[in-house]
N, C-alpha and C. Protein backbone atom coordinates (compact mmCIF):
# COMPACT_ATOMS: atom_id res chain seq x y z
N UNK A 1 -10.36 -22.81 99.50
CA UNK A 1 -11.75 -22.94 99.92
C UNK A 1 -12.58 -21.79 99.35
N UNK A 2 -12.00 -20.59 99.42
CA UNK A 2 -12.70 -19.41 98.92
C UNK A 2 -12.96 -19.54 97.42
N UNK A 3 -11.93 -20.05 96.70
CA UNK A 3 -12.08 -20.22 95.25
C UNK A 3 -13.16 -21.24 94.92
N UNK A 4 -13.23 -22.32 95.73
CA UNK A 4 -14.26 -23.34 95.52
C UNK A 4 -15.64 -22.76 95.74
N UNK A 5 -15.81 -21.99 96.80
CA UNK A 5 -17.10 -21.36 97.08
C UNK A 5 -17.48 -20.38 95.98
N UNK A 6 -16.50 -19.62 95.49
CA UNK A 6 -16.76 -18.65 94.42
C UNK A 6 -17.22 -19.37 93.16
N UNK A 7 -16.52 -20.50 92.85
CA UNK A 7 -16.91 -21.30 91.67
C UNK A 7 -18.32 -21.84 91.83
N UNK A 8 -18.63 -22.32 93.05
CA UNK A 8 -19.95 -22.89 93.32
C UNK A 8 -21.04 -21.84 93.13
N UNK A 9 -20.83 -20.64 93.64
CA UNK A 9 -21.82 -19.57 93.52
C UNK A 9 -22.01 -19.17 92.06
N UNK A 10 -20.92 -19.15 91.29
CA UNK A 10 -21.02 -18.82 89.87
C UNK A 10 -21.86 -19.85 89.13
N UNK A 11 -21.67 -21.13 89.51
CA UNK A 11 -22.45 -22.20 88.89
C UNK A 11 -23.93 -22.07 89.24
N UNK A 12 -24.22 -21.74 90.48
CA UNK A 12 -25.62 -21.57 90.91
C UNK A 12 -26.28 -20.45 90.12
N UNK A 13 -25.57 -19.32 89.99
CA UNK A 13 -26.11 -18.18 89.24
C UNK A 13 -26.33 -18.55 87.78
N UNK A 14 -25.34 -19.25 87.19
CA UNK A 14 -25.46 -19.64 85.78
C UNK A 14 -26.65 -20.55 85.55
N UNK A 15 -26.83 -21.53 86.46
CA UNK A 15 -27.97 -22.45 86.33
C UNK A 15 -29.29 -21.72 86.52
N UNK A 16 -29.31 -20.76 87.45
CA UNK A 16 -30.54 -19.99 87.68
C UNK A 16 -30.92 -19.21 86.44
N UNK A 17 -29.94 -18.58 85.81
CA UNK A 17 -30.18 -17.82 84.58
C UNK A 17 -30.66 -18.76 83.48
N UNK A 18 -29.99 -19.92 83.36
CA UNK A 18 -30.34 -20.87 82.31
C UNK A 18 -31.77 -21.33 82.43
N UNK A 19 -32.16 -21.75 83.63
CA UNK A 19 -33.50 -22.32 83.78
C UNK A 19 -34.59 -21.26 83.84
N UNK A 20 -34.26 -20.08 84.38
CA UNK A 20 -35.27 -19.01 84.33
C UNK A 20 -35.47 -18.57 82.89
N UNK A 21 -34.38 -18.54 82.11
CA UNK A 21 -34.50 -18.22 80.69
C UNK A 21 -35.33 -19.24 79.97
N UNK A 22 -35.18 -20.54 80.33
CA UNK A 22 -35.95 -21.60 79.69
C UNK A 22 -37.43 -21.42 79.98
N UNK A 23 -37.75 -21.02 81.22
CA UNK A 23 -39.15 -20.85 81.57
C UNK A 23 -39.78 -19.71 80.79
N UNK A 24 -39.04 -18.61 80.69
CA UNK A 24 -39.56 -17.47 79.94
C UNK A 24 -39.74 -17.86 78.48
N UNK A 25 -38.76 -18.58 77.94
CA UNK A 25 -38.85 -18.98 76.54
C UNK A 25 -40.03 -19.89 76.29
N UNK A 26 -40.30 -20.79 77.25
CA UNK A 26 -41.44 -21.69 77.09
C UNK A 26 -42.73 -20.90 77.04
N UNK A 27 -42.84 -19.89 77.90
CA UNK A 27 -44.05 -19.08 77.87
C UNK A 27 -44.18 -18.37 76.55
N UNK A 28 -43.04 -17.85 76.04
CA UNK A 28 -43.04 -17.17 74.75
C UNK A 28 -43.41 -18.15 73.64
N UNK A 29 -42.88 -19.38 73.75
CA UNK A 29 -43.18 -20.39 72.74
C UNK A 29 -44.65 -20.72 72.70
N UNK A 30 -45.28 -20.79 73.87
CA UNK A 30 -46.70 -21.10 73.90
C UNK A 30 -47.53 -20.03 73.21
N UNK A 31 -47.01 -18.83 73.17
CA UNK A 31 -47.72 -17.74 72.50
C UNK A 31 -47.60 -17.87 70.98
N UNK A 32 -46.63 -18.69 70.52
CA UNK A 32 -46.35 -18.86 69.10
C UNK A 32 -46.16 -17.51 68.45
N UNK A 33 -46.77 -17.29 67.27
CA UNK A 33 -46.54 -16.01 66.61
C UNK A 33 -47.41 -14.93 67.21
N UNK A 34 -48.36 -15.33 68.03
CA UNK A 34 -49.35 -14.40 68.56
C UNK A 34 -49.03 -13.98 69.98
N UNK A 35 -49.59 -12.88 70.42
CA UNK A 35 -49.29 -12.34 71.72
C UNK A 35 -50.12 -13.02 72.79
N UNK A 36 -49.50 -13.26 73.95
CA UNK A 36 -50.18 -13.99 75.02
C UNK A 36 -51.38 -13.23 75.57
N UNK A 37 -51.44 -11.90 75.36
CA UNK A 37 -52.54 -11.11 75.89
C UNK A 37 -53.77 -11.15 74.99
N UNK A 38 -53.65 -11.69 73.79
CA UNK A 38 -54.81 -11.78 72.90
C UNK A 38 -55.81 -12.76 73.49
N UNK A 39 -57.09 -12.42 73.52
CA UNK A 39 -58.10 -13.33 74.06
C UNK A 39 -58.14 -14.66 73.31
N UNK A 40 -58.54 -15.70 74.00
CA UNK A 40 -58.67 -17.01 73.36
C UNK A 40 -59.64 -16.93 72.19
N UNK A 41 -59.35 -17.70 71.14
CA UNK A 41 -60.20 -17.79 69.94
C UNK A 41 -60.24 -16.49 69.14
N UNK A 42 -59.25 -15.62 69.32
CA UNK A 42 -59.20 -14.39 68.53
C UNK A 42 -58.94 -14.70 67.06
N UNK A 43 -59.36 -13.79 66.21
CA UNK A 43 -58.97 -13.80 64.81
C UNK A 43 -57.84 -12.78 64.65
N UNK A 44 -57.11 -12.86 63.53
CA UNK A 44 -55.97 -11.97 63.33
C UNK A 44 -55.98 -11.44 61.90
N UNK A 45 -55.58 -10.18 61.76
CA UNK A 45 -55.48 -9.58 60.43
C UNK A 45 -54.27 -8.64 60.38
N UNK A 46 -53.62 -8.57 59.22
CA UNK A 46 -52.53 -7.63 59.01
C UNK A 46 -52.52 -7.23 57.54
N UNK A 47 -51.76 -6.18 57.22
CA UNK A 47 -51.72 -5.65 55.85
C UNK A 47 -50.27 -5.52 55.39
N UNK A 48 -50.01 -5.94 54.15
CA UNK A 48 -48.73 -5.63 53.52
C UNK A 48 -48.97 -4.44 52.59
N UNK A 49 -48.20 -3.39 52.79
CA UNK A 49 -48.36 -2.15 52.02
C UNK A 49 -47.48 -2.19 50.77
N UNK A 50 -48.04 -2.59 49.66
CA UNK A 50 -47.30 -2.69 48.40
C UNK A 50 -47.40 -1.39 47.62
N UNK A 51 -47.11 -0.27 48.28
CA UNK A 51 -47.10 1.04 47.63
C UNK A 51 -45.85 1.79 48.09
N UNK A 52 -45.56 2.90 47.44
CA UNK A 52 -44.37 3.69 47.78
C UNK A 52 -44.67 4.81 48.77
N UNK A 53 -45.81 4.72 49.45
CA UNK A 53 -46.17 5.74 50.44
C UNK A 53 -46.71 5.07 51.70
N UNK A 54 -46.51 5.72 52.84
CA UNK A 54 -47.01 5.18 54.10
C UNK A 54 -48.54 5.22 54.13
N UNK A 55 -49.13 4.28 54.84
CA UNK A 55 -50.59 4.24 54.96
C UNK A 55 -50.97 4.07 56.43
N UNK A 56 -52.22 4.37 56.74
CA UNK A 56 -52.80 4.10 58.06
C UNK A 56 -53.92 3.09 57.88
N UNK A 57 -53.86 2.02 58.66
CA UNK A 57 -54.89 0.99 58.62
C UNK A 57 -55.77 1.13 59.85
N UNK A 58 -57.05 1.36 59.64
CA UNK A 58 -57.99 1.53 60.77
C UNK A 58 -59.04 0.44 60.71
N UNK A 59 -59.08 -0.36 61.76
CA UNK A 59 -60.11 -1.40 61.91
C UNK A 59 -61.17 -0.86 62.85
N UNK A 60 -62.43 -1.03 62.48
CA UNK A 60 -63.53 -0.41 63.21
C UNK A 60 -63.56 -0.76 64.70
N UNK A 61 -63.10 -1.94 65.06
CA UNK A 61 -63.16 -2.36 66.46
C UNK A 61 -61.93 -1.93 67.27
N UNK A 62 -60.98 -1.27 66.63
CA UNK A 62 -59.75 -0.86 67.30
C UNK A 62 -59.77 0.62 67.65
N UNK A 63 -59.05 0.96 68.72
CA UNK A 63 -59.07 2.34 69.22
C UNK A 63 -58.19 3.29 68.42
N UNK A 64 -57.25 2.75 67.66
CA UNK A 64 -56.34 3.62 66.91
C UNK A 64 -55.94 2.95 65.61
N UNK A 65 -55.46 3.77 64.68
CA UNK A 65 -55.00 3.24 63.39
C UNK A 65 -53.58 2.70 63.53
N UNK A 66 -53.22 1.81 62.63
CA UNK A 66 -51.86 1.27 62.59
C UNK A 66 -51.14 1.85 61.38
N UNK A 67 -50.07 2.62 61.59
CA UNK A 67 -49.29 3.15 60.45
C UNK A 67 -48.38 2.07 59.89
N UNK A 68 -48.30 1.98 58.55
CA UNK A 68 -47.42 1.01 57.90
C UNK A 68 -46.64 1.74 56.82
N UNK A 69 -45.34 1.64 56.89
CA UNK A 69 -44.47 2.31 55.92
C UNK A 69 -44.57 1.65 54.56
N UNK A 70 -44.03 2.33 53.55
CA UNK A 70 -44.05 1.79 52.18
C UNK A 70 -43.32 0.45 52.13
N UNK A 71 -43.90 -0.48 51.39
CA UNK A 71 -43.33 -1.81 51.18
C UNK A 71 -42.98 -2.51 52.49
N UNK A 72 -43.89 -2.42 53.45
CA UNK A 72 -43.67 -3.07 54.74
C UNK A 72 -44.89 -3.90 55.13
N UNK A 73 -44.64 -4.92 55.97
CA UNK A 73 -45.70 -5.75 56.52
C UNK A 73 -46.10 -5.21 57.88
N UNK A 74 -47.39 -4.99 58.08
CA UNK A 74 -47.87 -4.54 59.38
C UNK A 74 -47.93 -5.69 60.37
N UNK A 75 -47.98 -5.36 61.66
CA UNK A 75 -48.15 -6.38 62.68
C UNK A 75 -49.59 -6.88 62.67
N UNK A 76 -49.79 -8.09 63.19
CA UNK A 76 -51.14 -8.62 63.30
C UNK A 76 -51.95 -7.82 64.31
N UNK A 77 -53.21 -7.62 64.01
CA UNK A 77 -54.18 -7.06 64.94
C UNK A 77 -55.11 -8.18 65.35
N UNK A 78 -55.32 -8.36 66.66
CA UNK A 78 -56.25 -9.41 67.07
C UNK A 78 -57.66 -8.86 67.16
N UNK A 79 -58.62 -9.68 66.74
CA UNK A 79 -60.01 -9.26 66.64
C UNK A 79 -60.93 -10.32 67.23
N UNK A 80 -62.12 -9.90 67.64
CA UNK A 80 -63.16 -10.86 68.00
C UNK A 80 -63.77 -11.40 66.72
N UNK A 81 -64.27 -12.61 66.75
CA UNK A 81 -64.93 -13.14 65.56
C UNK A 81 -66.13 -12.27 65.21
N UNK A 82 -66.41 -12.19 63.91
CA UNK A 82 -67.54 -11.36 63.46
C UNK A 82 -67.13 -10.46 62.30
N UNK A 83 -67.94 -9.46 62.04
CA UNK A 83 -67.72 -8.54 60.93
C UNK A 83 -66.92 -7.33 61.38
N UNK A 84 -65.93 -6.94 60.57
CA UNK A 84 -65.10 -5.78 60.90
C UNK A 84 -64.89 -4.92 59.65
N UNK A 85 -64.98 -3.61 59.82
CA UNK A 85 -64.71 -2.67 58.73
C UNK A 85 -63.25 -2.26 58.79
N UNK A 86 -62.59 -2.27 57.62
CA UNK A 86 -61.18 -1.91 57.53
C UNK A 86 -61.04 -0.75 56.56
N UNK A 87 -60.41 0.33 57.01
CA UNK A 87 -60.27 1.53 56.19
C UNK A 87 -58.80 1.85 55.96
N UNK A 88 -58.47 2.14 54.69
CA UNK A 88 -57.15 2.62 54.29
C UNK A 88 -57.39 3.84 53.42
N UNK A 89 -57.30 5.02 54.02
CA UNK A 89 -57.61 6.24 53.28
C UNK A 89 -59.07 6.23 52.84
N UNK A 90 -59.30 6.37 51.53
CA UNK A 90 -60.66 6.39 51.00
C UNK A 90 -61.21 4.99 50.74
N UNK A 91 -60.37 3.96 50.90
CA UNK A 91 -60.81 2.58 50.66
C UNK A 91 -61.37 1.98 51.94
N UNK A 92 -62.58 1.45 51.84
CA UNK A 92 -63.23 0.81 52.97
C UNK A 92 -63.76 -0.56 52.56
N UNK A 93 -63.43 -1.57 53.35
CA UNK A 93 -63.93 -2.92 53.09
C UNK A 93 -64.47 -3.50 54.39
N UNK A 94 -65.40 -4.43 54.25
CA UNK A 94 -65.96 -5.12 55.40
C UNK A 94 -65.66 -6.61 55.25
N UNK A 95 -65.00 -7.17 56.26
CA UNK A 95 -64.61 -8.58 56.21
C UNK A 95 -65.14 -9.33 57.42
N UNK A 96 -65.48 -10.58 57.19
CA UNK A 96 -65.97 -11.44 58.26
C UNK A 96 -64.84 -12.35 58.74
N UNK A 97 -64.76 -12.54 60.05
CA UNK A 97 -63.71 -13.37 60.64
C UNK A 97 -64.32 -14.42 61.56
N UNK A 98 -63.86 -15.64 61.41
CA UNK A 98 -64.22 -16.71 62.34
C UNK A 98 -63.18 -16.76 63.45
N UNK A 99 -63.47 -17.45 64.52
CA UNK A 99 -62.48 -17.55 65.60
C UNK A 99 -61.25 -18.30 65.09
N UNK A 100 -60.10 -17.84 65.50
CA UNK A 100 -58.79 -18.40 65.12
C UNK A 100 -58.46 -18.23 63.64
N UNK A 101 -59.25 -17.45 62.90
CA UNK A 101 -58.95 -17.22 61.50
C UNK A 101 -57.88 -16.14 61.36
N UNK A 102 -56.98 -16.33 60.40
CA UNK A 102 -55.87 -15.39 60.18
C UNK A 102 -55.91 -14.92 58.73
N UNK A 103 -55.83 -13.61 58.53
CA UNK A 103 -55.83 -13.06 57.18
C UNK A 103 -54.70 -12.06 57.02
N UNK A 104 -53.94 -12.23 55.94
CA UNK A 104 -52.99 -11.21 55.51
C UNK A 104 -53.60 -10.54 54.29
N UNK A 105 -53.62 -9.21 54.29
CA UNK A 105 -54.22 -8.46 53.21
C UNK A 105 -53.14 -7.72 52.43
N UNK A 106 -53.20 -7.83 51.12
CA UNK A 106 -52.26 -7.13 50.25
C UNK A 106 -52.91 -5.86 49.71
N UNK A 107 -52.30 -4.70 50.02
CA UNK A 107 -52.82 -3.42 49.54
C UNK A 107 -51.90 -2.89 48.46
N UNK A 108 -52.44 -2.73 47.24
CA UNK A 108 -51.62 -2.28 46.10
C UNK A 108 -51.88 -0.83 45.72
N UNK A 109 -52.61 -0.12 46.57
CA UNK A 109 -52.92 1.29 46.30
C UNK A 109 -54.34 1.51 45.85
N UNK A 110 -54.97 0.46 45.33
CA UNK A 110 -56.35 0.59 44.86
C UNK A 110 -57.30 -0.42 45.49
N UNK A 111 -56.77 -1.58 45.90
CA UNK A 111 -57.64 -2.60 46.46
C UNK A 111 -56.91 -3.45 47.49
N UNK A 112 -57.70 -4.20 48.25
CA UNK A 112 -57.18 -5.15 49.22
C UNK A 112 -57.45 -6.57 48.73
N UNK A 113 -56.43 -7.40 48.74
CA UNK A 113 -56.60 -8.79 48.36
C UNK A 113 -56.26 -9.67 49.55
N UNK A 114 -57.13 -10.65 49.83
CA UNK A 114 -56.90 -11.58 50.93
C UNK A 114 -55.90 -12.64 50.47
N UNK A 115 -54.83 -12.81 51.23
CA UNK A 115 -53.79 -13.80 50.93
C UNK A 115 -53.88 -14.92 51.95
N UNK A 116 -53.71 -16.14 51.49
CA UNK A 116 -53.79 -17.31 52.37
C UNK A 116 -52.88 -17.17 53.59
N UNK A 117 -53.44 -17.43 54.76
CA UNK A 117 -52.69 -17.40 56.01
C UNK A 117 -53.35 -18.38 56.97
N UNK A 118 -52.69 -18.69 58.08
CA UNK A 118 -53.26 -19.66 59.02
C UNK A 118 -52.64 -19.51 60.39
N UNK A 119 -53.33 -20.04 61.39
CA UNK A 119 -52.87 -19.98 62.77
C UNK A 119 -51.70 -20.93 62.97
N UNK A 120 -50.69 -20.49 63.70
CA UNK A 120 -49.53 -21.31 64.01
C UNK A 120 -49.38 -21.41 65.52
N UNK A 121 -49.35 -22.63 66.06
CA UNK A 121 -49.33 -22.80 67.51
C UNK A 121 -48.25 -23.74 68.02
N UNK A 122 -47.40 -24.23 67.15
CA UNK A 122 -46.37 -25.18 67.58
C UNK A 122 -45.35 -24.53 68.51
N UNK A 123 -44.89 -25.28 69.51
CA UNK A 123 -43.82 -24.79 70.38
C UNK A 123 -42.52 -25.54 70.10
N UNK A 124 -42.56 -26.53 69.23
CA UNK A 124 -41.38 -27.35 68.95
C UNK A 124 -40.70 -26.97 67.65
N UNK A 125 -41.38 -26.24 66.79
CA UNK A 125 -40.84 -25.87 65.48
C UNK A 125 -40.98 -24.37 65.27
N UNK A 126 -40.27 -23.87 64.29
CA UNK A 126 -40.49 -22.52 63.78
C UNK A 126 -41.26 -22.66 62.48
N UNK A 127 -41.99 -21.62 62.09
CA UNK A 127 -42.69 -21.70 60.81
C UNK A 127 -42.21 -20.61 59.87
N UNK A 128 -41.95 -21.02 58.63
CA UNK A 128 -41.54 -20.11 57.57
C UNK A 128 -42.71 -19.96 56.60
N UNK A 129 -43.07 -18.72 56.32
CA UNK A 129 -44.12 -18.44 55.35
C UNK A 129 -43.56 -17.63 54.19
N UNK A 130 -43.77 -18.10 52.98
CA UNK A 130 -43.32 -17.37 51.79
C UNK A 130 -44.52 -16.66 51.17
N UNK A 131 -44.45 -15.33 51.09
CA UNK A 131 -45.52 -14.51 50.51
C UNK A 131 -45.00 -13.93 49.20
N UNK A 132 -45.59 -14.35 48.11
CA UNK A 132 -45.12 -13.94 46.79
C UNK A 132 -45.96 -12.81 46.23
N UNK A 133 -45.45 -11.59 46.32
CA UNK A 133 -46.14 -10.42 45.79
C UNK A 133 -45.45 -9.92 44.51
N UNK A 134 -44.74 -10.82 43.85
CA UNK A 134 -44.13 -10.50 42.57
C UNK A 134 -45.03 -11.00 41.44
N UNK A 135 -44.58 -10.86 40.21
CA UNK A 135 -45.42 -11.24 39.06
C UNK A 135 -45.10 -12.63 38.51
N UNK A 136 -44.14 -13.32 39.15
CA UNK A 136 -43.79 -14.67 38.71
C UNK A 136 -43.75 -15.63 39.89
N UNK A 137 -43.90 -16.94 39.62
CA UNK A 137 -43.83 -17.94 40.67
C UNK A 137 -42.46 -17.92 41.33
N UNK A 138 -42.44 -18.14 42.65
CA UNK A 138 -41.21 -18.08 43.43
C UNK A 138 -41.17 -19.26 44.41
N UNK A 139 -39.99 -19.84 44.58
CA UNK A 139 -39.76 -20.87 45.59
C UNK A 139 -38.74 -20.35 46.59
N UNK A 140 -38.80 -20.86 47.82
CA UNK A 140 -37.84 -20.48 48.85
C UNK A 140 -36.86 -21.63 49.05
N UNK A 141 -35.57 -21.35 48.87
CA UNK A 141 -34.54 -22.38 49.01
C UNK A 141 -33.40 -21.88 49.88
N UNK A 142 -32.56 -22.81 50.31
CA UNK A 142 -31.33 -22.40 50.97
C UNK A 142 -30.53 -21.58 49.96
N UNK A 143 -29.64 -20.74 50.45
CA UNK A 143 -28.93 -19.79 49.58
C UNK A 143 -28.20 -20.47 48.43
N UNK A 144 -27.69 -21.69 48.67
CA UNK A 144 -26.97 -22.40 47.61
C UNK A 144 -27.89 -23.13 46.63
N UNK A 145 -29.19 -23.08 46.91
CA UNK A 145 -30.17 -23.68 46.01
C UNK A 145 -30.32 -25.19 46.11
N UNK A 146 -29.60 -25.81 47.03
CA UNK A 146 -29.61 -27.27 47.10
C UNK A 146 -30.84 -27.84 47.80
N UNK A 147 -31.46 -27.06 48.68
CA UNK A 147 -32.60 -27.56 49.45
C UNK A 147 -33.79 -26.62 49.33
N UNK A 148 -34.92 -27.17 48.93
CA UNK A 148 -36.14 -26.38 48.81
C UNK A 148 -36.85 -26.34 50.15
N UNK A 149 -37.13 -25.13 50.63
CA UNK A 149 -37.78 -24.94 51.92
C UNK A 149 -39.29 -24.82 51.75
N UNK A 150 -39.71 -23.97 50.83
CA UNK A 150 -41.14 -23.83 50.49
C UNK A 150 -41.26 -23.97 48.98
N UNK A 151 -42.12 -24.88 48.56
CA UNK A 151 -42.31 -25.12 47.13
C UNK A 151 -42.81 -23.87 46.41
N UNK A 152 -42.71 -23.88 45.11
CA UNK A 152 -43.05 -22.73 44.28
C UNK A 152 -44.44 -22.19 44.59
N UNK A 153 -44.50 -20.87 44.80
CA UNK A 153 -45.75 -20.17 45.14
C UNK A 153 -46.12 -19.25 43.99
N UNK A 154 -47.36 -19.32 43.56
CA UNK A 154 -47.82 -18.47 42.46
C UNK A 154 -47.95 -17.02 42.92
N UNK A 155 -47.95 -16.07 41.97
CA UNK A 155 -48.09 -14.66 42.34
C UNK A 155 -49.36 -14.39 43.15
N UNK A 156 -49.22 -13.62 44.23
CA UNK A 156 -50.36 -13.26 45.06
C UNK A 156 -50.77 -14.32 46.04
N UNK A 157 -49.95 -15.35 46.20
CA UNK A 157 -50.30 -16.43 47.12
C UNK A 157 -49.18 -16.64 48.13
N UNK A 158 -49.33 -17.67 48.97
CA UNK A 158 -48.34 -17.94 50.01
C UNK A 158 -48.21 -19.44 50.22
N UNK A 159 -47.11 -19.83 50.85
CA UNK A 159 -46.87 -21.22 51.19
C UNK A 159 -46.11 -21.29 52.50
N UNK A 160 -46.25 -22.42 53.22
CA UNK A 160 -45.69 -22.50 54.56
C UNK A 160 -44.96 -23.83 54.79
N UNK A 161 -44.03 -23.77 55.75
CA UNK A 161 -43.36 -24.99 56.17
C UNK A 161 -42.80 -24.81 57.58
N UNK A 162 -42.97 -25.83 58.41
CA UNK A 162 -42.39 -25.82 59.74
C UNK A 162 -40.98 -26.39 59.68
N UNK A 163 -40.06 -25.73 60.39
CA UNK A 163 -38.65 -26.13 60.36
C UNK A 163 -38.10 -26.18 61.78
N UNK A 164 -36.97 -26.84 61.93
CA UNK A 164 -36.28 -26.86 63.21
C UNK A 164 -35.65 -25.50 63.49
N UNK A 165 -35.39 -25.22 64.76
CA UNK A 165 -34.73 -23.98 65.14
C UNK A 165 -33.34 -23.94 64.51
N UNK A 166 -33.07 -22.86 63.80
CA UNK A 166 -31.80 -22.79 63.06
C UNK A 166 -31.55 -21.35 62.61
N UNK A 167 -30.28 -21.02 62.41
CA UNK A 167 -29.90 -19.73 61.82
C UNK A 167 -29.52 -20.00 60.38
N UNK A 168 -30.20 -19.33 59.44
CA UNK A 168 -30.06 -19.72 58.05
C UNK A 168 -30.27 -18.54 57.11
N UNK A 169 -29.64 -18.63 55.94
CA UNK A 169 -29.86 -17.68 54.86
C UNK A 169 -30.67 -18.37 53.77
N UNK A 170 -31.79 -17.76 53.38
CA UNK A 170 -32.63 -18.30 52.32
C UNK A 170 -32.61 -17.35 51.12
N UNK A 171 -32.91 -17.91 49.96
CA UNK A 171 -33.01 -17.11 48.74
C UNK A 171 -34.31 -17.41 48.02
N UNK A 172 -34.78 -16.44 47.25
CA UNK A 172 -35.96 -16.62 46.39
C UNK A 172 -35.49 -17.09 45.03
N UNK A 173 -36.11 -18.14 44.52
CA UNK A 173 -35.72 -18.72 43.23
C UNK A 173 -36.88 -18.68 42.24
N UNK A 174 -36.57 -18.25 41.03
CA UNK A 174 -37.52 -18.29 39.92
C UNK A 174 -36.89 -19.09 38.78
N UNK A 175 -37.62 -20.12 38.35
CA UNK A 175 -37.12 -20.98 37.25
C UNK A 175 -35.72 -21.50 37.53
N UNK A 176 -35.48 -21.89 38.80
CA UNK A 176 -34.20 -22.48 39.16
C UNK A 176 -33.06 -21.50 39.35
N UNK A 177 -33.34 -20.21 39.27
CA UNK A 177 -32.31 -19.19 39.41
C UNK A 177 -32.60 -18.29 40.61
N UNK A 178 -31.56 -18.02 41.39
CA UNK A 178 -31.72 -17.12 42.54
C UNK A 178 -31.93 -15.69 42.06
N UNK A 179 -33.02 -15.07 42.54
CA UNK A 179 -33.33 -13.70 42.11
C UNK A 179 -33.20 -12.69 43.26
N UNK A 180 -33.14 -13.20 44.50
CA UNK A 180 -33.00 -12.30 45.65
C UNK A 180 -32.64 -13.14 46.87
N UNK A 181 -31.86 -12.56 47.77
CA UNK A 181 -31.44 -13.26 48.98
C UNK A 181 -31.94 -12.51 50.21
N UNK A 182 -32.47 -13.26 51.17
CA UNK A 182 -32.98 -12.69 52.41
C UNK A 182 -31.84 -12.55 53.43
N UNK A 183 -32.03 -11.65 54.39
CA UNK A 183 -31.07 -11.51 55.48
C UNK A 183 -31.01 -12.80 56.29
N UNK A 184 -29.84 -13.12 56.79
CA UNK A 184 -29.69 -14.27 57.67
C UNK A 184 -30.56 -14.08 58.91
N UNK A 185 -31.31 -15.10 59.27
CA UNK A 185 -32.28 -14.99 60.36
C UNK A 185 -32.20 -16.21 61.27
N UNK A 186 -32.24 -15.97 62.57
CA UNK A 186 -32.31 -17.07 63.52
C UNK A 186 -33.78 -17.42 63.72
N UNK A 187 -34.17 -18.58 63.28
CA UNK A 187 -35.56 -19.03 63.36
C UNK A 187 -35.77 -19.74 64.69
N UNK A 188 -36.45 -19.09 65.60
CA UNK A 188 -36.67 -19.64 66.93
C UNK A 188 -37.90 -20.55 66.94
N UNK A 189 -37.80 -21.65 67.65
CA UNK A 189 -38.96 -22.53 67.76
C UNK A 189 -40.07 -21.80 68.51
N UNK A 190 -41.30 -22.06 68.09
CA UNK A 190 -42.45 -21.38 68.68
C UNK A 190 -42.76 -20.04 68.05
N UNK A 191 -41.98 -19.63 67.05
CA UNK A 191 -42.21 -18.35 66.38
C UNK A 191 -42.44 -18.57 64.90
N UNK A 192 -43.00 -17.58 64.24
CA UNK A 192 -43.20 -17.69 62.79
C UNK A 192 -42.61 -16.47 62.09
N UNK A 193 -42.24 -16.66 60.83
CA UNK A 193 -41.52 -15.65 60.06
C UNK A 193 -42.10 -15.55 58.66
N UNK A 194 -42.19 -14.32 58.17
CA UNK A 194 -42.71 -14.08 56.83
C UNK A 194 -41.57 -13.70 55.90
N UNK A 195 -41.41 -14.47 54.85
CA UNK A 195 -40.44 -14.18 53.79
C UNK A 195 -41.23 -13.61 52.62
N UNK A 196 -41.05 -12.32 52.39
CA UNK A 196 -41.86 -11.58 51.43
C UNK A 196 -41.03 -11.24 50.19
N UNK A 197 -41.61 -11.50 49.03
CA UNK A 197 -40.97 -11.16 47.76
C UNK A 197 -41.87 -10.21 47.00
N UNK A 198 -41.33 -9.08 46.54
CA UNK A 198 -42.11 -8.12 45.75
C UNK A 198 -41.20 -7.43 44.75
N UNK A 199 -41.80 -6.66 43.86
CA UNK A 199 -41.03 -5.97 42.82
C UNK A 199 -41.03 -4.47 43.08
N UNK A 200 -39.86 -3.88 42.89
CA UNK A 200 -39.71 -2.43 43.04
C UNK A 200 -38.65 -1.95 42.07
N UNK A 201 -38.99 -0.93 41.30
CA UNK A 201 -38.07 -0.35 40.31
C UNK A 201 -37.50 -1.39 39.36
N UNK A 202 -38.34 -2.34 38.98
CA UNK A 202 -37.94 -3.34 38.01
C UNK A 202 -37.13 -4.50 38.56
N UNK A 203 -36.89 -4.52 39.87
CA UNK A 203 -36.11 -5.60 40.47
C UNK A 203 -36.90 -6.36 41.51
N UNK A 204 -36.37 -7.51 41.92
CA UNK A 204 -37.00 -8.32 42.96
C UNK A 204 -36.41 -7.96 44.31
N UNK A 205 -37.27 -7.74 45.29
CA UNK A 205 -36.84 -7.40 46.65
C UNK A 205 -37.25 -8.52 47.59
N UNK A 206 -36.34 -8.90 48.48
CA UNK A 206 -36.60 -9.94 49.46
C UNK A 206 -36.58 -9.33 50.86
N UNK A 207 -37.61 -9.63 51.63
CA UNK A 207 -37.74 -9.05 52.97
C UNK A 207 -38.21 -10.12 53.94
N UNK A 208 -37.53 -10.26 55.08
CA UNK A 208 -37.95 -11.23 56.09
C UNK A 208 -38.45 -10.48 57.32
N UNK A 209 -39.57 -10.96 57.88
CA UNK A 209 -40.22 -10.30 59.01
C UNK A 209 -40.49 -11.33 60.10
N UNK A 210 -40.08 -11.03 61.32
CA UNK A 210 -40.47 -11.86 62.47
C UNK A 210 -41.87 -11.42 62.88
N UNK A 211 -42.83 -12.31 62.73
CA UNK A 211 -44.22 -11.93 62.96
C UNK A 211 -44.49 -11.59 64.42
N UNK A 212 -45.33 -10.60 64.63
CA UNK A 212 -45.75 -10.23 65.98
C UNK A 212 -47.11 -9.57 65.93
N UNK A 213 -47.67 -9.37 67.13
CA UNK A 213 -49.00 -8.79 67.24
C UNK A 213 -48.89 -7.37 67.78
N UNK A 214 -49.64 -6.46 67.19
CA UNK A 214 -49.66 -5.07 67.64
C UNK A 214 -50.37 -4.96 68.99
N UNK A 215 -50.00 -3.94 69.76
CA UNK A 215 -50.59 -3.75 71.09
C UNK A 215 -51.86 -2.90 71.05
N UNK A 216 -52.31 -2.53 69.85
CA UNK A 216 -53.49 -1.69 69.73
C UNK A 216 -54.73 -2.44 70.21
N UNK A 217 -55.43 -1.87 71.17
CA UNK A 217 -56.64 -2.51 71.72
C UNK A 217 -57.87 -2.12 70.90
């Protein structure tokens, strides 16, 4: 009898954990790639630092700068729609944002380039984004090259695809040949991921980032 009661209590605890976990995950899924604390209709901006030195990104409407290491993608900053000044050292630009607009900015040390980006809100799929910061067109495929995930993206541009939740290794392909392999990543539904390709020291570098929003107010 004692063993039966012990088994029953273990089952109750396991089910409680399972369903409480599901509830938390659903809330997280509803936030998609963005943070639940961001006001409705916010715009979003982030910077990829394509230089060999750390930078500080300061947006005029934010209380503090965001530090970004060399060759790294910064977290999204949420903004109100309207005009915002963005400063990186001596470089200052003014950009206009509509509600729900998303911009990824590429900083190469001298200028900022706006790269195609978009809002992702699905709770049933994960989204993969390929950002090509190399000098040649790149496609994202499964590591064995048999399945194309994101079609060929021209230099300085991006491409997207929604996928089922899965743990997978992807590779960057140029002219049908694998040039770099990304770390194996578990793609959770309701989240988005950036697969970034860039050049460093004459070689192709592949970097995968689970997108998130910075807490800077």
